[in-house]
């Protein structure tokens, strides 16, 4: 019946796969977007760009690097927003939502930030000015800002950084206050990794939200980076429980940097497991109404950050080098159409959910 092998494959995958476009399915399921990060280096590839700007596939974009401190304030008091506006300009043309990332992070700082000898009296106004100037630059254009990124260590304590070492937790309050003053219409997020399952770090992330709320400071969401490893991704029930824990504080949740790396080379077995891991992660968001959207941390393997950081690992995204789709793409499709395994919505309280903590590298 099917002389063309591609048609046979599509038939086996089913009609949903043939018509699958992730943002369309996410919106149909009641989510705000399915999006992707992107960076300037890949924008010259015409195939990549056509997928990136297909609003049926991706309804939201985030600059991977262009809004980080090293670009936006390379010298003290000298602001340069050119790199960050490259992705912004795309969203202005296509109508895609823009997530903005990030205002304060211990990494990718301009060298002067770490090389200056600070006191609390000098660092606090500098930090406030940086956040205010950058957030004001994008006023009215960002759906959300990742205001503070990765302020926690793995045990739930605060990470040592130029900001924490001088100002303590107050640096978080300074940043959120300044961002709210600069762009009161944007959603303001705390964003981190390994806060997707029950444990000390996710509890500490909730404490950050409560700290801000107790001081009357605007905080709207928690971003779950969700950089996972094939075979050790948290279970769907663990992710649901954790998302609901944040939602119980009255904030929204988003999966902000999803990728799931595997040990190379990719093969039938690890790609099948990757599909299941993507499926349960997106499926968790589908079952928590306060989880408003999913962003993958770029969608094409050759531009993923993973191989340069994790030796021997890669193939973490949804598209192979030749732009064919990983099986994981269709796992996402299944999750977006509510074909998830486990995690029955409404049938398990947070106290009843499993509390085992998965191992991370």
C-alpha atoms as a PDB file:
ATOM      1  CA  UNK A   1       0.000   0.000   0.000  1.00  0.00           C
ATOM      2  CA  UNK A   2       2.860   2.396   0.896  1.00  0.00           C
ATOM      3  CA  UNK A   3       5.587   2.344  -1.744  1.00  0.00           C
ATOM      4  CA  UNK A   4       7.245   5.410  -0.195  1.00  0.00           C
ATOM      5  CA  UNK A   5       9.111   4.531   3.064  1.00  0.00           C
ATOM      6  CA  UNK A   6       8.416   7.990   4.475  1.00  0.00           C
ATOM      7  CA  UNK A   7       4.687   7.566   4.000  1.00  0.00           C
ATOM      8  CA  UNK A   8       4.905   4.182   5.709  1.00  0.00           C
ATOM      9  CA  UNK A   9       6.712   5.749   8.685  1.00  0.00           C
ATOM     10  CA  UNK A  10       4.128   8.511   8.971  1.00  0.00           C
ATOM     11  CA  UNK A  11       1.332   5.984   8.795  1.00  0.00           C
ATOM     12  CA  UNK A  12       2.886   4.004  11.630  1.00  0.00           C
ATOM     13  CA  UNK A  13       3.286   7.149  13.732  1.00  0.00           C
ATOM     14  CA  UNK A  14      -0.371   8.006  13.212  1.00  0.00           C
ATOM     15  CA  UNK A  15      -2.354  11.008  11.940  1.00  0.00           C
ATOM     16  CA  UNK A  16      -1.406  13.238  14.865  1.00  0.00           C
ATOM     17  CA  UNK A  17       2.280  12.890  13.975  1.00  0.00           C
ATOM     18  CA  UNK A  18       1.637  13.801  10.339  1.00  0.00           C
ATOM     19  CA  UNK A  19      -0.003  17.048  11.396  1.00  0.00           C
ATOM     20  CA  UNK A  20       2.144  17.621  14.468  1.00  0.00           C
ATOM     21  CA  UNK A  21       3.162  21.179  15.117  1.00  0.00           C
ATOM     22  CA  UNK A  22       4.124  21.743  18.700  1.00  0.00           C
ATOM     23  CA  UNK A  23       2.861  25.240  19.376  1.00  0.00           C
ATOM     24  CA  UNK A  24      -0.488  24.502  17.755  1.00  0.00           C
ATOM     25  CA  UNK A  25      -0.896  21.434  19.953  1.00  0.00           C
ATOM     26  CA  UNK A  26       0.231  23.270  23.099  1.00  0.00           C
ATOM     27  CA  UNK A  27      -2.189  26.130  22.497  1.00  0.00           C
ATOM     28  CA  UNK A  28      -4.991  23.688  21.748  1.00  0.00           C
ATOM     29  CA  UNK A  29      -4.261  22.033  25.093  1.00  0.00           C
ATOM     30  CA  UNK A  30      -4.596  25.354  26.923  1.00  0.00           C
ATOM     31  CA  UNK A  31      -0.937  26.301  27.249  1.00  0.00           C
ATOM     32  CA  UNK A  32       0.378  29.735  26.339  1.00  0.00           C
ATOM     33  CA  UNK A  33       3.163  28.536  24.063  1.00  0.00           C
ATOM     34  CA  UNK A  34       5.634  25.891  23.011  1.00  0.00           C
ATOM     35  CA  UNK A  35       8.902  27.720  22.399  1.00  0.00           C
ATOM     36  CA  UNK A  36      12.614  27.472  21.811  1.00  0.00           C
ATOM     37  CA  UNK A  37      15.823  29.248  22.658  1.00  0.00           C
ATOM     38  CA  UNK A  38      17.955  30.458  19.772  1.00  0.00           C
ATOM     39  CA  UNK A  39      21.188  32.304  19.173  1.00  0.00           C
ATOM     40  CA  UNK A  40      22.674  34.467  16.450  1.00  0.00           C
ATOM     41  CA  UNK A  41      25.131  31.868  15.163  1.00  0.00           C
ATOM     42  CA  UNK A  42      22.461  29.606  13.719  1.00  0.00           C
ATOM     43  CA  UNK A  43      20.175  32.226  12.204  1.00  0.00           C
ATOM     44  CA  UNK A  44      21.996  32.174   8.864  1.00  0.00           C
ATOM     45  CA  UNK A  45      20.934  28.584   8.185  1.00  0.00           C
ATOM     46  CA  UNK A  46      17.829  28.902   6.026  1.00  0.00           C
ATOM     47  CA  UNK A  47      16.320  25.552   7.008  1.00  0.00           C
ATOM     48  CA  UNK A  48      16.863  26.278  10.669  1.00  0.00           C
ATOM     49  CA  UNK A  49      15.408  29.770  10.336  1.00  0.00           C
ATOM     50  CA  UNK A  50      12.298  28.532   8.538  1.00  0.00           C
ATOM     51  CA  UNK A  51      11.548  26.104  11.382  1.00  0.00           C
ATOM     52  CA  UNK A  52      12.387  28.688  14.049  1.00  0.00           C
ATOM     53  CA  UNK A  53       9.976  31.243  12.638  1.00  0.00           C
ATOM     54  CA  UNK A  54       7.164  28.784  11.947  1.00  0.00           C
ATOM     55  CA  UNK A  55       4.683  29.972  14.554  1.00  0.00           C
ATOM     56  CA  UNK A  56       2.777  26.706  14.362  1.00  0.00           C
ATOM     57  CA  UNK A  57       5.913  24.970  15.647  1.00  0.00           C
ATOM     58  CA  UNK A  58       7.273  27.588  18.054  1.00  0.00           C
ATOM     59  CA  UNK A  59       5.128  30.316  19.549  1.00  0.00           C
ATOM     60  CA  UNK A  60       7.828  31.783  21.756  1.00  0.00           C
ATOM     61  CA  UNK A  61      11.557  32.554  21.456  1.00  0.00           C
ATOM     62  CA  UNK A  62      14.251  33.330  24.019  1.00  0.00           C
ATOM     63  CA  UNK A  63      17.764  34.602  23.305  1.00  0.00           C
ATOM     64  CA  UNK A  64      20.217  31.986  24.573  1.00  0.00           C
ATOM     65  CA  UNK A  65      22.973  34.511  25.260  1.00  0.00           C
ATOM     66  CA  UNK A  66      22.281  37.971  23.877  1.00  0.00           C
ATOM     67  CA  UNK A  67      20.731  39.432  27.036  1.00  0.00           C
ATOM     68  CA  UNK A  68      23.416  38.210  29.429  1.00  0.00           C
ATOM     69  CA  UNK A  69      25.588  40.676  31.307  1.00  0.00           C
ATOM     70  CA  UNK A  70      28.721  40.114  29.216  1.00  0.00           C
ATOM     71  CA  UNK A  71      26.864  41.531  26.198  1.00  0.00           C
ATOM     72  CA  UNK A  72      24.557  44.077  27.790  1.00  0.00           C
ATOM     73  CA  UNK A  73      27.046  45.937  30.020  1.00  0.00           C
ATOM     74  CA  UNK A  74      30.553  44.970  28.846  1.00  0.00           C
ATOM     75  CA  UNK A  75      32.077  47.983  30.618  1.00  0.00           C
ATOM     76  CA  UNK A  76      30.688  49.609  33.738  1.00  0.00           C
ATOM     77  CA  UNK A  77      28.055  52.117  32.754  1.00  0.00           C
ATOM     78  CA  UNK A  78      28.402  51.258  29.044  1.00  0.00           C
ATOM     79  CA  UNK A  79      25.281  49.421  27.881  1.00  0.00           C
ATOM     80  CA  UNK A  80      24.990  47.630  24.549  1.00  0.00           C
ATOM     81  CA  UNK A  81      21.707  45.897  23.765  1.00  0.00           C
ATOM     82  CA  UNK A  82      22.423  45.087  20.110  1.00  0.00           C
ATOM     83  CA  UNK A  83      22.933  41.339  20.538  1.00  0.00           C
ATOM     84  CA  UNK A  84      19.773  40.906  22.573  1.00  0.00           C
ATOM     85  CA  UNK A  85      17.657  42.748  20.038  1.00  0.00           C
ATOM     86  CA  UNK A  86      18.491  40.320  17.222  1.00  0.00           C
ATOM     87  CA  UNK A  87      16.053  37.728  18.558  1.00  0.00           C
ATOM     88  CA  UNK A  88      13.673  40.432  19.750  1.00  0.00           C
ATOM     89  CA  UNK A  89      13.420  41.769  16.210  1.00  0.00           C
ATOM     90  CA  UNK A  90      12.436  38.332  14.931  1.00  0.00           C
ATOM     91  CA  UNK A  91       9.556  38.117  17.398  1.00  0.00           C
ATOM     92  CA  UNK A  92       8.408  41.611  16.450  1.00  0.00           C
ATOM     93  CA  UNK A  93       8.082  40.424  12.840  1.00  0.00           C
ATOM     94  CA  UNK A  94       6.550  37.013  13.491  1.00  0.00           C
ATOM     95  CA  UNK A  95       4.326  37.792  16.470  1.00  0.00           C
ATOM     96  CA  UNK A  96       6.025  35.113  18.578  1.00  0.00           C
ATOM     97  CA  UNK A  97       6.166  35.730  22.319  1.00  0.00           C
ATOM     98  CA  UNK A  98       9.530  36.759  23.754  1.00  0.00           C
ATOM     99  CA  UNK A  99      10.927  35.316  26.991  1.00  0.00           C
ATOM    100  CA  UNK A 100      13.850  37.364  28.246  1.00  0.00           C
ATOM    101  CA  UNK A 101      16.905  35.719  29.838  1.00  0.00           C
ATOM    102  CA  UNK A 102      18.511  36.830  32.137  1.00  0.00           C
ATOM    103  CA  UNK A 103      19.159  39.852  34.346  1.00  0.00           C
ATOM    104  CA  UNK A 104      21.343  38.475  37.164  1.00  0.00           C
ATOM    105  CA  UNK A 105      23.509  35.346  36.974  1.00  0.00           C
ATOM    106  CA  UNK A 106      26.851  34.411  38.471  1.00  0.00           C
ATOM    107  CA  UNK A 107      28.130  33.233  35.082  1.00  0.00           C
ATOM    108  CA  UNK A 108      28.837  35.047  31.791  1.00  0.00           C
ATOM    109  CA  UNK A 109      29.424  38.266  33.662  1.00  0.00           C
ATOM    110  CA  UNK A 110      31.468  41.057  32.161  1.00  0.00           C
ATOM    111  CA  UNK A 111      34.978  40.755  33.681  1.00  0.00           C
ATOM    112  CA  UNK A 112      34.753  44.111  35.440  1.00  0.00           C
ATOM    113  CA  UNK A 113      31.921  42.871  37.640  1.00  0.00           C
ATOM    114  CA  UNK A 114      34.079  40.212  39.269  1.00  0.00           C
ATOM    115  CA  UNK A 115      37.358  42.159  39.140  1.00  0.00           C
ATOM    116  CA  UNK A 116      36.084  45.188  41.052  1.00  0.00           C
ATOM    117  CA  UNK A 117      36.438  45.372  44.829  1.00  0.00           C
ATOM    118  CA  UNK A 118      32.889  45.966  46.031  1.00  0.00           C
ATOM    119  CA  UNK A 119      31.224  46.930  49.258  1.00  0.00           C
ATOM    120  CA  UNK A 120      27.525  46.628  49.967  1.00  0.00           C
ATOM    121  CA  UNK A 121      27.270  50.408  49.532  1.00  0.00           C
ATOM    122  CA  UNK A 122      28.757  50.286  46.021  1.00  0.00           C
ATOM    123  CA  UNK A 123      27.464  46.934  44.730  1.00  0.00           C
ATOM    124  CA  UNK A 124      23.779  47.402  45.580  1.00  0.00           C
ATOM    125  CA  UNK A 125      23.263  50.570  43.474  1.00  0.00           C
ATOM    126  CA  UNK A 126      25.323  49.124  40.617  1.00  0.00           C
ATOM    127  CA  UNK A 127      23.196  45.975  40.567  1.00  0.00           C
ATOM    128  CA  UNK A 128      19.980  47.961  40.761  1.00  0.00           C
ATOM    129  CA  UNK A 129      21.072  50.212  37.903  1.00  0.00           C
ATOM    130  CA  UNK A 130      22.043  47.289  35.667  1.00  0.00           C
ATOM    131  CA  UNK A 131      18.751  45.462  36.184  1.00  0.00           C
ATOM    132  CA  UNK A 132      16.672  48.595  35.781  1.00  0.00           C
ATOM    133  CA  UNK A 133      18.423  49.762  32.608  1.00  0.00           C
ATOM    134  CA  UNK A 134      18.242  46.369  30.920  1.00  0.00           C
ATOM    135  CA  UNK A 135      14.649  45.594  31.883  1.00  0.00           C
ATOM    136  CA  UNK A 136      13.583  49.088  30.810  1.00  0.00           C
ATOM    137  CA  UNK A 137      15.219  48.548  27.409  1.00  0.00           C
ATOM    138  CA  UNK A 138      12.789  45.709  26.721  1.00  0.00           C
ATOM    139  CA  UNK A 139       9.785  47.261  28.450  1.00  0.00           C
ATOM    140  CA  UNK A 140       6.581  45.994  26.885  1.00  0.00           C
ATOM    141  CA  UNK A 141       8.341  43.414  24.712  1.00  0.00           C
ATOM    142  CA  UNK A 142       9.025  40.540  27.131  1.00  0.00           C
ATOM    143  CA  UNK A 143       6.316  38.167  28.262  1.00  0.00           C
ATOM    144  CA  UNK A 144       8.606  37.257  31.150  1.00  0.00           C
ATOM    145  CA  UNK A 145      12.077  37.920  32.532  1.00  0.00           C
ATOM    146  CA  UNK A 146      14.305  35.388  34.240  1.00  0.00           C
ATOM    147  CA  UNK A 147      15.291  37.978  36.824  1.00  0.00           C
ATOM    148  CA  UNK A 148      17.652  35.867  38.924  1.00  0.00           C
ATOM    149  CA  UNK A 149      19.190  32.707  37.515  1.00  0.00           C
ATOM    150  CA  UNK A 150      20.756  29.839  39.476  1.00  0.00           C
ATOM    151  CA  UNK A 151      21.190  31.417  42.906  1.00  0.00           C
ATOM    152  CA  UNK A 152      21.195  28.022  44.652  1.00  0.00           C
ATOM    153  CA  UNK A 153      23.733  25.247  45.195  1.00  0.00           C
ATOM    154  CA  UNK A 154      22.728  21.605  44.960  1.00  0.00           C
ATOM    155  CA  UNK A 155      22.119  21.272  48.707  1.00  0.00           C
ATOM    156  CA  UNK A 156      19.698  24.195  48.720  1.00  0.00           C
ATOM    157  CA  UNK A 157      22.140  26.711  50.183  1.00  0.00           C
ATOM    158  CA  UNK A 158      22.849  29.960  48.391  1.00  0.00           C
ATOM    159  CA  UNK A 159      25.551  29.774  45.753  1.00  0.00           C
ATOM    160  CA  UNK A 160      28.688  31.813  46.341  1.00  0.00           C
ATOM    161  CA  UNK A 161      28.865  34.677  43.858  1.00  0.00           C
ATOM    162  CA  UNK A 162      29.991  38.268  43.684  1.00  0.00           C
ATOM    163  CA  UNK A 163      26.406  39.238  44.495  1.00  0.00           C
ATOM    164  CA  UNK A 164      25.682  36.864  47.375  1.00  0.00           C
ATOM    165  CA  UNK A 165      29.096  37.189  48.953  1.00  0.00           C
ATOM    166  CA  UNK A 166      28.643  40.940  49.418  1.00  0.00           C
ATOM    167  CA  UNK A 167      24.889  41.398  49.704  1.00  0.00           C
ATOM    168  CA  UNK A 168      23.576  38.032  50.849  1.00  0.00           C
ATOM    169  CA  UNK A 169      19.990  37.138  49.808  1.00  0.00           C
ATOM    170  CA  UNK A 170      19.237  40.851  49.588  1.00  0.00           C
ATOM    171  CA  UNK A 171      20.662  40.833  46.053  1.00  0.00           C
ATOM    172  CA  UNK A 172      17.628  38.848  44.924  1.00  0.00           C
ATOM    173  CA  UNK A 173      15.262  41.423  46.408  1.00  0.00           C
ATOM    174  CA  UNK A 174      17.191  44.277  44.786  1.00  0.00           C
ATOM    175  CA  UNK A 175      16.980  42.619  41.382  1.00  0.00           C
ATOM    176  CA  UNK A 176      13.258  41.833  41.544  1.00  0.00           C
ATOM    177  CA  UNK A 177      12.380  45.306  42.820  1.00  0.00           C
ATOM    178  CA  UNK A 178      14.356  46.955  40.016  1.00  0.00           C
ATOM    179  CA  UNK A 179      12.860  44.705  37.331  1.00  0.00           C
ATOM    180  CA  UNK A 180       9.322  45.389  38.551  1.00  0.00           C
ATOM    181  CA  UNK A 181       9.978  49.127  38.548  1.00  0.00           C
ATOM    182  CA  UNK A 182      11.424  49.041  35.026  1.00  0.00           C
ATOM    183  CA  UNK A 183       8.782  46.834  33.406  1.00  0.00           C
ATOM    184  CA  UNK A 184       5.716  46.305  35.592  1.00  0.00           C
ATOM    185  CA  UNK A 185       3.920  44.431  32.817  1.00  0.00           C
ATOM    186  CA  UNK A 186       6.447  41.601  32.492  1.00  0.00           C
ATOM    187  CA  UNK A 187       6.185  38.361  34.446  1.00  0.00           C
ATOM    188  CA  UNK A 188       9.156  38.054  36.811  1.00  0.00           C
ATOM    189  CA  UNK A 189      10.693  34.589  37.324  1.00  0.00           C
ATOM    190  CA  UNK A 190      13.220  32.865  39.501  1.00  0.00           C
ATOM    191  CA  UNK A 191      14.954  30.314  37.216  1.00  0.00           C
ATOM    192  CA  UNK A 192      17.143  27.322  38.150  1.00  0.00           C
ATOM    193  CA  UNK A 193      18.099  23.730  37.336  1.00  0.00           C
ATOM    194  CA  UNK A 194      17.598  20.573  39.426  1.00  0.00           C
ATOM    195  CA  UNK A 195      14.531  22.110  41.061  1.00  0.00           C
ATOM    196  CA  UNK A 196      12.155  19.835  39.133  1.00  0.00           C
ATOM    197  CA  UNK A 197      11.779  17.101  41.771  1.00  0.00           C
ATOM    198  CA  UNK A 198      11.215  17.073  45.543  1.00  0.00           C
ATOM    199  CA  UNK A 199      14.320  17.822  47.575  1.00  0.00           C
ATOM    200  CA  UNK A 200      16.381  20.497  49.300  1.00  0.00           C
ATOM    201  CA  UNK A 201      16.955  22.576  46.199  1.00  0.00           C
ATOM    202  CA  UNK A 202      13.314  22.792  45.140  1.00  0.00           C
ATOM    203  CA  UNK A 203      12.376  23.583  48.756  1.00  0.00           C
ATOM    204  CA  UNK A 204      14.933  26.397  48.699  1.00  0.00           C
ATOM    205  CA  UNK A 205      13.461  27.740  45.461  1.00  0.00           C
ATOM    206  CA  UNK A 206      10.074  27.915  47.185  1.00  0.00           C
ATOM    207  CA  UNK A 207      11.747  29.754  50.058  1.00  0.00           C
ATOM    208  CA  UNK A 208      13.055  32.376  47.614  1.00  0.00           C
ATOM    209  CA  UNK A 209       9.527  32.926  46.305  1.00  0.00           C
ATOM    210  CA  UNK A 210       8.164  33.237  49.854  1.00  0.00           C
ATOM    211  CA  UNK A 211      10.977  35.613  50.821  1.00  0.00           C
ATOM    212  CA  UNK A 212      10.009  37.947  48.000  1.00  0.00           C
ATOM    213  CA  UNK A 213       6.303  37.644  48.717  1.00  0.00           C
ATOM    214  CA  UNK A 214       6.814  38.346  52.428  1.00  0.00           C
ATOM    215  CA  UNK A 215       8.509  41.624  51.492  1.00  0.00           C
ATOM    216  CA  UNK A 216       5.729  42.560  49.076  1.00  0.00           C
ATOM    217  CA  UNK A 217       8.022  42.194  46.066  1.00  0.00           C
ATOM    218  CA  UNK A 218       6.536  41.179  42.719  1.00  0.00           C
ATOM    219  CA  UNK A 219       7.362  37.580  41.741  1.00  0.00           C
ATOM    220  CA  UNK A 220       5.229  35.797  39.172  1.00  0.00           C
ATOM    221  CA  UNK A 221       6.820  32.498  38.320  1.00  0.00           C
ATOM    222  CA  UNK A 222       9.389  29.759  38.775  1.00  0.00           C
ATOM    223  CA  UNK A 223      11.336  28.543  35.766  1.00  0.00           C
ATOM    224  CA  UNK A 224      12.330  24.876  35.720  1.00  0.00           C
ATOM    225  CA  UNK A 225      15.329  24.600  33.406  1.00  0.00           C
ATOM    226  CA  UNK A 226      14.894  20.828  33.002  1.00  0.00           C
ATOM    227  CA  UNK A 227      18.342  19.945  31.667  1.00  0.00           C
ATOM    228  CA  UNK A 228      18.012  16.189  32.056  1.00  0.00           C
ATOM    229  CA  UNK A 229      19.898  12.981  31.238  1.00  0.00           C
ATOM    230  CA  UNK A 230      18.289  10.082  29.391  1.00  0.00           C
ATOM    231  CA  UNK A 231      17.344   7.374  31.863  1.00  0.00           C
ATOM    232  CA  UNK A 232      17.594   9.553  34.988  1.00  0.00           C
ATOM    233  CA  UNK A 233      14.927  12.151  34.284  1.00  0.00           C
ATOM    234  CA  UNK A 234      12.591  12.677  37.271  1.00  0.00           C
ATOM    235  CA  UNK A 235       9.369  10.711  37.071  1.00  0.00           C
ATOM    236  CA  UNK A 236       6.208  12.385  35.849  1.00  0.00           C
ATOM    237  CA  UNK A 237       4.747  12.207  39.363  1.00  0.00           C
ATOM    238  CA  UNK A 238       7.822  13.840  40.892  1.00  0.00           C
ATOM    239  CA  UNK A 239       7.644  16.653  38.371  1.00  0.00           C
ATOM    240  CA  UNK A 240       3.917  17.127  38.877  1.00  0.00           C
ATOM    241  CA  UNK A 241       4.333  17.237  42.662  1.00  0.00           C
ATOM    242  CA  UNK A 242       7.092  19.819  42.437  1.00  0.00           C
ATOM    243  CA  UNK A 243       5.226  22.022  39.965  1.00  0.00           C
ATOM    244  CA  UNK A 244       2.181  21.969  42.215  1.00  0.00           C
ATOM    245  CA  UNK A 245       4.367  22.931  45.165  1.00  0.00           C
ATOM    246  CA  UNK A 246       5.351  26.136  43.390  1.00  0.00           C
ATOM    247  CA  UNK A 247       1.805  26.733  42.197  1.00  0.00           C
ATOM    248  CA  UNK A 248       0.579  26.462  45.791  1.00  0.00           C
ATOM    249  CA  UNK A 249       2.491  29.699  46.442  1.00  0.00           C
ATOM    250  CA  UNK A 250       0.321  31.490  43.895  1.00  0.00           C
ATOM    251  CA  UNK A 251       2.884  31.709  41.093  1.00  0.00           C
ATOM    252  CA  UNK A 252       2.957  30.230  37.626  1.00  0.00           C
ATOM    253  CA  UNK A 253       5.457  27.655  36.413  1.00  0.00           C
ATOM    254  CA  UNK A 254       7.221  27.149  33.096  1.00  0.00           C
ATOM    255  CA  UNK A 255       9.673  24.627  31.706  1.00  0.00           C
ATOM    256  CA  UNK A 256      12.299  27.055  30.483  1.00  0.00           C
ATOM    257  CA  UNK A 257      15.363  25.243  29.057  1.00  0.00           C
ATOM    258  CA  UNK A 258      14.356  21.670  28.291  1.00  0.00           C
ATOM    259  CA  UNK A 259      16.851  19.285  26.743  1.00  0.00           C
ATOM    260  CA  UNK A 260      17.602  15.642  27.544  1.00  0.00           C
ATOM    261  CA  UNK A 261      21.116  14.512  26.688  1.00  0.00           C
ATOM    262  CA  UNK A 262      22.197  10.960  25.974  1.00  0.00           C
ATOM    263  CA  UNK A 263      25.457   9.024  25.820  1.00  0.00           C
ATOM    264  CA  UNK A 264      26.726   9.092  22.260  1.00  0.00           C
ATOM    265  CA  UNK A 265      26.316   7.548  19.818  1.00  0.00           C
ATOM    266  CA  UNK A 266      22.559   7.770  19.556  1.00  0.00           C
ATOM    267  CA  UNK A 267      20.956   4.392  18.963  1.00  0.00           C
ATOM    268  CA  UNK A 268      17.538   2.797  18.891  1.00  0.00           C
ATOM    269  CA  UNK A 269      17.560   2.114  22.627  1.00  0.00           C
ATOM    270  CA  UNK A 270      18.647   5.479  24.015  1.00  0.00           C
ATOM    271  CA  UNK A 271      16.512   7.380  21.519  1.00  0.00           C
ATOM    272  CA  UNK A 272      13.480   5.362  22.636  1.00  0.00           C
ATOM    273  CA  UNK A 273      14.224   6.211  26.268  1.00  0.00           C
ATOM    274  CA  UNK A 274      14.751   9.865  25.334  1.00  0.00           C
ATOM    275  CA  UNK A 275      11.299   9.861  23.775  1.00  0.00           C
ATOM    276  CA  UNK A 276       9.786   8.588  27.020  1.00  0.00           C
ATOM    277  CA  UNK A 277      11.714  11.134  29.090  1.00  0.00           C
ATOM    278  CA  UNK A 278      10.560  14.055  26.948  1.00  0.00           C
ATOM    279  CA  UNK A 279       7.050  12.666  27.033  1.00  0.00           C
ATOM    280  CA  UNK A 280       6.842  12.509  30.820  1.00  0.00           C
ATOM    281  CA  UNK A 281       8.404  15.965  31.286  1.00  0.00           C
ATOM    282  CA  UNK A 282       6.036  17.696  28.882  1.00  0.00           C
ATOM    283  CA  UNK A 283       3.267  15.476  30.226  1.00  0.00           C
ATOM    284  CA  UNK A 284       3.843  16.792  33.743  1.00  0.00           C
ATOM    285  CA  UNK A 285       3.328  20.352  32.522  1.00  0.00           C
ATOM    286  CA  UNK A 286       0.170  19.262  30.748  1.00  0.00           C
ATOM    287  CA  UNK A 287      -1.293  18.031  34.015  1.00  0.00           C
ATOM    288  CA  UNK A 288      -0.583  21.171  36.054  1.00  0.00           C
ATOM    289  CA  UNK A 289      -2.711  24.095  34.955  1.00  0.00           C
ATOM    290  CA  UNK A 290      -0.262  26.620  36.402  1.00  0.00           C
ATOM    291  CA  UNK A 291       2.456  25.309  34.080  1.00  0.00           C
ATOM    292  CA  UNK A 292       1.910  27.801  31.293  1.00  0.00           C
ATOM    293  CA  UNK A 293       4.409  26.670  28.649  1.00  0.00           C
ATOM    294  CA  UNK A 294       7.466  24.737  27.570  1.00  0.00           C
ATOM    295  CA  UNK A 295      10.696  26.046  26.037  1.00  0.00           C
ATOM    296  CA  UNK A 296      13.353  23.726  24.606  1.00  0.00           C
ATOM    297  CA  UNK A 297      16.951  24.964  24.816  1.00  0.00           C
ATOM    298  CA  UNK A 298      17.292  25.158  21.046  1.00  0.00           C
ATOM    299  CA  UNK A 299      15.855  22.453  18.850  1.00  0.00           C
ATOM    300  CA  UNK A 300      18.727  21.393  16.533  1.00  0.00           C
ATOM    301  CA  UNK A 301      21.554  19.114  17.706  1.00  0.00           C
ATOM    302  CA  UNK A 302      24.484  20.934  16.031  1.00  0.00           C
ATOM    303  CA  UNK A 303      23.849  24.121  18.024  1.00  0.00           C
ATOM    304  CA  UNK A 304      23.153  22.505  21.401  1.00  0.00           C
ATOM    305  CA  UNK A 305      25.373  23.568  24.298  1.00  0.00           C
ATOM    306  CA  UNK A 306      25.583  19.993  25.591  1.00  0.00           C
ATOM    307  CA  UNK A 307      28.552  18.445  23.699  1.00  0.00           C
ATOM    308  CA  UNK A 308      30.866  21.314  24.621  1.00  0.00           C
ATOM    309  CA  UNK A 309      30.096  20.902  28.336  1.00  0.00           C
ATOM    310  CA  UNK A 310      29.433  17.166  28.783  1.00  0.00           C
ATOM    311  CA  UNK A 311      32.072  15.060  27.072  1.00  0.00           C
ATOM    312  CA  UNK A 312      30.642  12.049  25.262  1.00  0.00           C
ATOM    313  CA  UNK A 313      27.065  13.269  25.506  1.00  0.00           C
ATOM    314  CA  UNK A 314      24.800  15.061  23.057  1.00  0.00           C
ATOM    315  CA  UNK A 315      21.805  14.582  20.743  1.00  0.00           C
ATOM    316  CA  UNK A 316      19.794  16.388  23.420  1.00  0.00           C
ATOM    317  CA  UNK A 317      17.296  18.267  21.249  1.00  0.00           C
ATOM    318  CA  UNK A 318      14.352  17.415  19.002  1.00  0.00           C
ATOM    319  CA  UNK A 319      16.030  17.619  15.558  1.00  0.00           C
ATOM    320  CA  UNK A 320      19.017  15.681  14.228  1.00  0.00           C
ATOM    321  CA  UNK A 321      21.832  17.296  12.223  1.00  0.00           C
ATOM    322  CA  UNK A 322      19.940  16.747   8.945  1.00  0.00           C
ATOM    323  CA  UNK A 323      16.734  18.295  10.361  1.00  0.00           C
ATOM    324  CA  UNK A 324      14.903  14.999  10.660  1.00  0.00           C
ATOM    325  CA  UNK A 325      13.083  14.690  13.970  1.00  0.00           C
ATOM    326  CA  UNK A 326      14.129  12.652  16.973  1.00  0.00           C
ATOM    327  CA  UNK A 327      11.591  10.089  18.184  1.00  0.00           C
ATOM    328  CA  UNK A 328      11.429  12.453  21.182  1.00  0.00           C
ATOM    329  CA  UNK A 329       9.602  14.970  18.997  1.00  0.00           C
ATOM    330  CA  UNK A 330       6.738  12.508  18.728  1.00  0.00           C
ATOM    331  CA  UNK A 331       6.919  11.844  22.454  1.00  0.00           C
ATOM    332  CA  UNK A 332       6.271  15.545  22.945  1.00  0.00           C
ATOM    333  CA  UNK A 333       3.371  15.317  20.510  1.00  0.00           C
ATOM    334  CA  UNK A 334       1.879  12.449  22.509  1.00  0.00           C
ATOM    335  CA  UNK A 335       2.228  14.420  25.743  1.00  0.00           C
ATOM    336  CA  UNK A 336       0.638  17.514  24.231  1.00  0.00           C
ATOM    337  CA  UNK A 337      -2.306  15.421  23.117  1.00  0.00           C
ATOM    338  CA  UNK A 338      -2.688  13.966  26.642  1.00  0.00           C
ATOM    339  CA  UNK A 339      -1.319  10.517  25.826  1.00  0.00           C
ATOM    340  CA  UNK A 340       0.989  10.433  28.850  1.00  0.00           C
ATOM    341  CA  UNK A 341       1.794   7.443  31.009  1.00  0.00           C
ATOM    342  CA  UNK A 342       1.230   7.661  34.766  1.00  0.00           C
ATOM    343  CA  UNK A 343       0.642  10.822  36.726  1.00  0.00           C
ATOM    344  CA  UNK A 344      -3.147  10.631  36.687  1.00  0.00           C
ATOM    345  CA  UNK A 345      -4.380  14.215  37.007  1.00  0.00           C
ATOM    346  CA  UNK A 346      -6.467  14.950  40.048  1.00  0.00           C
ATOM    347  CA  UNK A 347      -5.920  11.509  41.574  1.00  0.00           C
ATOM    348  CA  UNK A 348      -2.868  12.148  43.707  1.00  0.00           C
ATOM    349  CA  UNK A 349      -2.277  14.772  46.356  1.00  0.00           C
ATOM    350  CA  UNK A 350       1.144  16.291  46.884  1.00  0.00           C
ATOM    351  CA  UNK A 351       1.504  14.353  50.142  1.00  0.00           C
ATOM    352  CA  UNK A 352       0.673  11.093  48.397  1.00  0.00           C
ATOM    353  CA  UNK A 353       3.084  11.635  45.522  1.00  0.00           C
ATOM    354  CA  UNK A 354       6.382   9.761  45.533  1.00  0.00           C
ATOM    355  CA  UNK A 355       9.233  11.649  47.157  1.00  0.00           C
ATOM    356  CA  UNK A 356      12.246   9.665  45.990  1.00  0.00           C
ATOM    357  CA  UNK A 357      14.967  11.928  44.592  1.00  0.00           C
ATOM    358  CA  UNK A 358      16.539  10.937  41.272  1.00  0.00           C
ATOM    359  CA  UNK A 359      20.275  11.070  40.824  1.00  0.00           C
ATOM    360  CA  UNK A 360      21.791  13.787  38.676  1.00  0.00           C
ATOM    361  CA  UNK A 361      25.303  14.021  37.242  1.00  0.00           C
END
